[in-house]
N, C-alpha and C. Protein backbone atom coordinates (compact mmCIF):
# COMPACT_ATOMS: atom_id res chain seq x y z
N MET A 1 -34.31 -9.13 39.26
CA MET A 1 -33.67 -9.77 38.59
C MET A 1 -33.96 -9.51 37.41
N LYS A 2 -34.54 -9.33 36.57
CA LYS A 2 -34.35 -8.96 35.26
C LYS A 2 -33.91 -7.63 35.12
N SER A 3 -33.46 -6.87 35.54
CA SER A 3 -32.41 -5.28 36.06
C SER A 3 -31.29 -5.94 36.25
N ARG A 4 -31.33 -6.58 36.98
CA ARG A 4 -29.47 -7.38 37.04
C ARG A 4 -29.11 -7.75 35.51
N LEU A 5 -29.94 -8.62 34.49
CA LEU A 5 -29.88 -9.12 33.64
C LEU A 5 -29.65 -8.31 32.75
N LYS A 6 -30.83 -7.27 32.65
CA LYS A 6 -30.47 -6.11 31.59
C LYS A 6 -29.11 -5.33 31.51
N ILE A 7 -28.61 -5.27 32.83
CA ILE A 7 -27.07 -4.46 33.41
C ILE A 7 -26.05 -5.01 32.91
N ILE A 8 -26.52 -6.33 32.96
CA ILE A 8 -25.31 -7.41 32.55
C ILE A 8 -25.02 -7.23 30.89
N ILE A 9 -26.37 -7.66 30.24
CA ILE A 9 -26.54 -6.94 28.89
C ILE A 9 -25.90 -6.20 28.02
N VAL A 10 -26.40 -4.72 28.90
CA VAL A 10 -25.89 -3.93 27.99
C VAL A 10 -24.32 -3.37 28.51
N THR A 11 -23.82 -3.70 29.78
CA THR A 11 -22.42 -3.91 29.66
C THR A 11 -21.72 -4.77 28.76
N SER A 12 -22.08 -6.05 28.39
CA SER A 12 -21.65 -6.85 27.52
C SER A 12 -21.26 -6.08 26.14
N VAL A 13 -22.83 -5.48 25.88
CA VAL A 13 -22.73 -4.85 24.13
C VAL A 13 -21.54 -3.68 24.29
N ALA A 14 -22.10 -2.79 25.35
CA ALA A 14 -20.85 -1.54 25.24
C ALA A 14 -19.54 -2.16 25.57
N THR A 15 -18.95 -3.17 25.89
CA THR A 15 -17.78 -3.50 25.98
C THR A 15 -17.32 -3.93 24.96
N THR A 16 -18.43 -4.98 24.01
CA THR A 16 -17.98 -5.64 22.73
C THR A 16 -17.80 -4.08 21.67
N ALA A 17 -18.80 -3.53 21.81
CA ALA A 17 -18.78 -2.05 20.75
C ALA A 17 -17.50 -1.29 21.46
N PHE A 18 -17.17 -1.05 22.38
CA PHE A 18 -15.85 -0.68 22.58
C PHE A 18 -14.69 -1.19 22.18
N TRP A 19 -14.29 -2.38 22.22
CA TRP A 19 -13.22 -2.85 21.70
C TRP A 19 -13.54 -3.36 20.16
N CYS A 20 -14.14 -3.32 19.65
CA CYS A 20 -14.70 -3.28 18.22
C CYS A 20 -14.05 -1.52 17.97
N LEU A 21 -14.47 -1.00 18.27
CA LEU A 21 -14.28 0.55 17.66
C LEU A 21 -12.85 0.87 18.15
N LEU A 22 -12.36 0.26 19.16
CA LEU A 22 -10.81 0.73 19.10
C LEU A 22 -9.82 -0.05 18.07
N LEU A 23 -10.27 -1.37 17.75
CA LEU A 23 -10.07 -2.07 17.12
C LEU A 23 -9.91 -1.40 15.48
N VAL A 24 -10.84 -1.12 14.99
CA VAL A 24 -11.01 -0.53 13.61
C VAL A 24 -10.25 0.73 13.73
N GLY A 25 -10.19 1.83 14.87
CA GLY A 25 -9.75 2.92 14.83
C GLY A 25 -8.19 2.82 15.04
N LEU A 26 -7.41 1.56 15.54
CA LEU A 26 -6.25 1.36 15.25
C LEU A 26 -6.09 1.15 14.03
N PHE A 27 -6.60 0.32 13.24
CA PHE A 27 -5.97 -0.21 12.15
C PHE A 27 -6.01 1.00 11.09
N TRP A 28 -6.91 1.76 11.12
CA TRP A 28 -7.45 3.20 10.51
C TRP A 28 -6.18 4.09 10.61
N TRP A 29 -5.93 4.37 11.96
CA TRP A 29 -4.50 5.27 12.21
C TRP A 29 -3.51 4.52 11.68
N ALA A 30 -3.23 3.45 11.88
CA ALA A 30 -2.14 2.80 10.98
C ALA A 30 -1.97 2.75 9.77
N SER A 31 -3.10 2.70 9.10
CA SER A 31 -2.97 2.79 7.53
C SER A 31 -2.89 4.03 6.76
N ASP A 32 -3.30 5.11 7.79
CA ASP A 32 -3.27 6.58 7.62
C ASP A 32 -2.03 7.39 7.97
N SER A 33 -1.18 6.84 8.81
CA SER A 33 0.07 7.39 9.26
C SER A 33 1.17 7.03 8.06
N GLN A 34 1.02 6.54 6.83
CA GLN A 34 1.95 6.53 6.14
C GLN A 34 1.93 7.84 5.45
N THR A 35 3.19 8.31 5.11
CA THR A 35 3.98 9.59 4.34
C THR A 35 4.09 9.20 3.19
N ALA A 36 4.68 8.27 2.71
CA ALA A 36 4.63 7.59 1.11
C ALA A 36 4.57 6.46 0.97
N GLY A 37 3.88 6.35 0.13
CA GLY A 37 3.92 4.64 0.04
C GLY A 37 3.34 3.80 -1.18
N VAL A 38 3.57 2.74 -1.24
CA VAL A 38 3.04 1.97 -2.36
C VAL A 38 2.16 1.03 -2.50
N SER A 39 1.27 0.86 -3.45
CA SER A 39 0.48 -0.65 -3.22
C SER A 39 0.56 -1.07 -4.53
N PHE A 40 0.13 -2.38 -4.88
CA PHE A 40 0.37 -3.35 -5.83
C PHE A 40 -1.42 -3.05 -6.13
N ILE A 41 -1.92 -3.22 -7.84
CA ILE A 41 -3.10 -3.43 -8.46
C ILE A 41 -3.08 -4.92 -8.35
N GLU A 42 -4.54 -5.53 -7.93
CA GLU A 42 -4.88 -6.48 -8.03
C GLU A 42 -4.95 -7.18 -9.25
N ASP A 43 -5.95 -6.46 -9.99
CA ASP A 43 -6.36 -6.45 -11.49
C ASP A 43 -5.55 -6.10 -12.37
N ALA A 44 -4.12 -6.52 -12.50
CA ALA A 44 -3.12 -5.89 -13.35
C ALA A 44 -3.05 -6.80 -14.51
N ALA A 45 -3.44 -8.35 -14.42
CA ALA A 45 -3.52 -9.08 -16.02
C ALA A 45 -4.74 -8.71 -16.66
N LYS A 46 -5.76 -7.92 -16.08
CA LYS A 46 -6.98 -7.49 -16.81
C LYS A 46 -6.69 -6.57 -17.87
N HIS A 47 -5.46 -5.50 -17.35
CA HIS A 47 -4.96 -5.12 -18.23
C HIS A 47 -3.92 -5.25 -19.05
N GLY A 48 -3.47 -6.32 -19.19
CA GLY A 48 -2.40 -7.12 -20.04
C GLY A 48 -1.37 -6.87 -19.41
N TYR A 49 -1.13 -6.59 -18.10
CA TYR A 49 0.15 -6.09 -17.60
C TYR A 49 0.54 -7.66 -16.70
N PHE A 50 1.57 -8.08 -16.11
CA PHE A 50 2.07 -9.04 -15.24
C PHE A 50 1.73 -8.14 -13.71
N ASN A 51 2.31 -7.08 -13.73
CA ASN A 51 2.23 -6.00 -12.57
C ASN A 51 1.86 -4.98 -12.46
N MET A 52 1.06 -3.86 -11.54
CA MET A 52 1.14 -2.73 -11.71
C MET A 52 1.22 -2.05 -10.05
N MET A 53 1.53 -1.08 -10.07
CA MET A 53 1.96 -0.13 -8.94
C MET A 53 1.96 0.73 -8.81
N ARG A 54 1.08 1.39 -7.99
CA ARG A 54 1.02 2.97 -7.36
C ARG A 54 2.08 3.42 -6.74
N ALA A 55 2.53 4.35 -6.43
CA ALA A 55 3.41 5.03 -5.52
C ALA A 55 2.96 7.07 -5.12
N TRP A 56 2.44 7.24 -3.91
CA TRP A 56 2.08 8.24 -3.77
C TRP A 56 2.97 9.09 -2.77
N ASN A 57 2.78 10.11 -2.32
CA ASN A 57 3.19 11.03 -1.54
C ASN A 57 2.11 11.59 -0.26
N ASP A 58 2.19 11.17 0.54
CA ASP A 58 0.47 11.79 1.34
C ASP A 58 1.25 13.03 2.31
N GLY A 59 3.04 13.04 2.39
CA GLY A 59 3.32 14.16 3.25
C GLY A 59 3.12 15.27 2.89
N LYS A 60 3.72 16.04 3.56
CA LYS A 60 3.56 17.60 3.09
C LYS A 60 5.28 18.36 2.37
N GLN A 61 5.96 17.58 2.35
CA GLN A 61 7.18 17.87 1.27
C GLN A 61 7.39 17.32 0.26
N SER A 62 8.22 17.15 -0.64
CA SER A 62 8.32 16.49 -1.79
C SER A 62 9.37 15.16 -1.49
N ALA A 63 8.99 14.01 -2.55
CA ALA A 63 9.45 12.91 -2.10
C ALA A 63 10.12 12.76 -3.16
N THR A 64 11.03 11.94 -3.43
CA THR A 64 12.07 11.23 -4.55
C THR A 64 11.53 9.69 -4.52
N PHE A 65 10.88 9.20 -5.31
CA PHE A 65 10.73 7.48 -5.63
C PHE A 65 11.73 7.43 -6.67
N THR A 66 12.65 6.21 -7.01
CA THR A 66 13.44 5.70 -7.41
C THR A 66 13.24 4.11 -7.89
N VAL A 67 12.84 4.00 -9.03
CA VAL A 67 12.69 2.74 -9.74
C VAL A 67 13.96 2.12 -10.08
N ALA A 68 14.68 1.13 -9.65
CA ALA A 68 15.66 0.41 -10.07
C ALA A 68 15.60 -0.89 -10.37
N GLU A 69 16.35 -1.40 -11.52
CA GLU A 69 16.32 -2.98 -11.95
C GLU A 69 17.42 -3.46 -11.01
N ILE A 70 16.90 -4.63 -10.22
CA ILE A 70 18.23 -5.58 -9.42
C ILE A 70 18.55 -6.70 -10.38
N ARG A 71 19.76 -6.46 -10.57
CA ARG A 71 20.10 -7.87 -11.03
C ARG A 71 20.34 -8.72 -10.39
N THR A 72 20.21 -10.12 -10.77
CA THR A 72 20.50 -11.50 -9.67
C THR A 72 21.59 -11.85 -9.43
N ASN A 73 22.27 -11.40 -10.64
CA ASN A 73 23.84 -12.46 -10.64
C ASN A 73 24.66 -11.86 -9.91
N ALA A 74 24.81 -10.53 -9.21
CA ALA A 74 25.86 -9.70 -8.43
C ALA A 74 25.80 -9.86 -7.28
N THR A 75 26.65 -9.34 -6.19
CA THR A 75 26.83 -10.03 -4.89
C THR A 75 26.10 -9.27 -3.99
N GLY A 76 25.55 -8.01 -4.29
CA GLY A 76 24.35 -7.13 -3.30
C GLY A 76 24.04 -6.24 -4.02
N THR A 77 22.49 -6.16 -3.54
CA THR A 77 21.58 -4.76 -4.73
C THR A 77 21.89 -3.46 -4.58
N ASN A 78 22.86 -2.91 -3.81
CA ASN A 78 23.63 -1.74 -3.92
C ASN A 78 24.26 -1.51 -4.82
N THR A 79 25.33 -3.09 -5.52
CA THR A 79 26.08 -2.83 -6.47
C THR A 79 25.66 -3.17 -7.72
N SER A 80 24.23 -4.08 -7.80
CA SER A 80 23.72 -4.67 -8.74
C SER A 80 22.44 -4.13 -9.46
N GLN A 81 22.29 -2.63 -9.20
CA GLN A 81 20.90 -2.15 -9.58
C GLN A 81 21.37 -0.71 -10.58
N VAL A 82 20.41 -1.15 -11.52
CA VAL A 82 20.23 0.23 -12.43
C VAL A 82 19.17 0.75 -12.35
N VAL A 83 19.23 2.25 -12.11
CA VAL A 83 18.23 3.20 -11.89
C VAL A 83 17.55 3.44 -13.26
N LEU A 84 15.95 2.80 -13.32
CA LEU A 84 15.28 3.30 -14.54
C LEU A 84 14.80 4.53 -14.49
N LEU A 85 14.18 4.91 -13.30
CA LEU A 85 13.54 6.12 -13.21
C LEU A 85 13.72 6.92 -11.87
N GLU A 86 13.86 8.14 -11.97
CA GLU A 86 13.23 8.72 -10.53
C GLU A 86 12.45 9.92 -10.79
N ARG A 87 11.15 9.95 -9.76
CA ARG A 87 9.87 10.74 -10.09
C ARG A 87 10.21 11.52 -8.49
N GLN A 88 10.14 12.73 -8.84
CA GLN A 88 10.19 13.72 -7.48
C GLN A 88 8.75 14.16 -7.40
N LEU A 89 7.68 13.44 -6.38
CA LEU A 89 6.37 13.88 -6.23
C LEU A 89 5.94 14.70 -5.34
N PRO A 90 5.02 16.18 -5.80
CA PRO A 90 4.56 16.94 -4.85
C PRO A 90 3.75 16.41 -3.73
N PRO A 91 3.67 17.01 -2.85
CA PRO A 91 2.61 16.82 -1.83
C PRO A 91 1.22 16.38 -2.40
N SER A 92 0.68 15.14 -2.18
CA SER A 92 -0.33 14.74 -2.58
C SER A 92 -0.09 14.14 -4.32
N GLY A 93 0.94 14.12 -4.46
CA GLY A 93 1.39 13.56 -6.09
C GLY A 93 1.12 11.83 -6.23
N GLU A 94 0.93 11.25 -6.98
CA GLU A 94 1.14 9.99 -7.37
C GLU A 94 1.56 9.36 -9.01
N PHE A 95 2.23 8.42 -8.95
CA PHE A 95 2.68 8.12 -10.69
C PHE A 95 2.29 6.34 -10.10
N TRP A 96 2.18 5.61 -11.76
CA TRP A 96 1.80 4.10 -11.70
C TRP A 96 3.10 3.98 -12.57
N ILE A 97 3.50 2.66 -12.10
CA ILE A 97 4.13 2.03 -13.04
C ILE A 97 3.54 0.37 -13.66
N ALA A 98 3.65 -0.16 -14.46
CA ALA A 98 3.64 -1.34 -14.91
C ALA A 98 4.35 -1.96 -15.60
N ILE A 99 4.53 -3.41 -15.95
CA ILE A 99 5.43 -4.03 -16.61
C ILE A 99 4.68 -5.07 -16.86
N LYS A 100 4.92 -5.38 -18.29
CA LYS A 100 4.51 -6.31 -19.22
C LYS A 100 5.40 -7.03 -20.22
N LYS A 101 4.89 -8.08 -20.82
CA LYS A 101 5.93 -8.74 -21.87
C LYS A 101 5.48 -8.29 -22.92
N GLU A 102 6.54 -8.30 -24.04
CA GLU A 102 6.31 -7.82 -25.26
C GLU A 102 6.65 -8.96 -26.30
N GLU A 103 5.36 -9.32 -26.91
CA GLU A 103 5.62 -10.43 -27.63
C GLU A 103 6.37 -10.01 -28.88
N PRO A 104 6.95 -11.15 -29.36
CA PRO A 104 8.09 -10.36 -30.90
C PRO A 104 6.85 -10.74 -32.12
N PRO A 105 6.81 -10.01 -33.16
CA PRO A 105 5.85 -10.09 -33.85
C PRO A 105 5.57 -11.37 -34.72
N SER A 106 4.38 -11.88 -34.97
CA SER A 106 4.46 -13.22 -35.99
C SER A 106 4.63 -12.80 -37.23
N LYS A 107 5.04 -13.88 -37.75
CA LYS A 107 5.50 -13.67 -39.05
C LYS A 107 4.76 -14.62 -39.88
């Protein structure tokens, strides 16, 4: 009876470990498969900005990133955008963008 209980416990632990490793591997693979990406920085307000973002190129070829202002009073985003910045990143290159409000000087 003890050996059957031991087999059941070991099988249960091994099955649980297998599925946990499979899920971790799946999430790791999905996050690692990006060739170019953008992430937002959580503590932007600590640095005095509304938002900060990081763009990077994990690919083997250069990639071009475009930052555009999208105007809200036009019919479509393609016709209402104004390109503010275009940056070509080499492989493993990155750049950062931050947005902040400039207050007028006090009198």
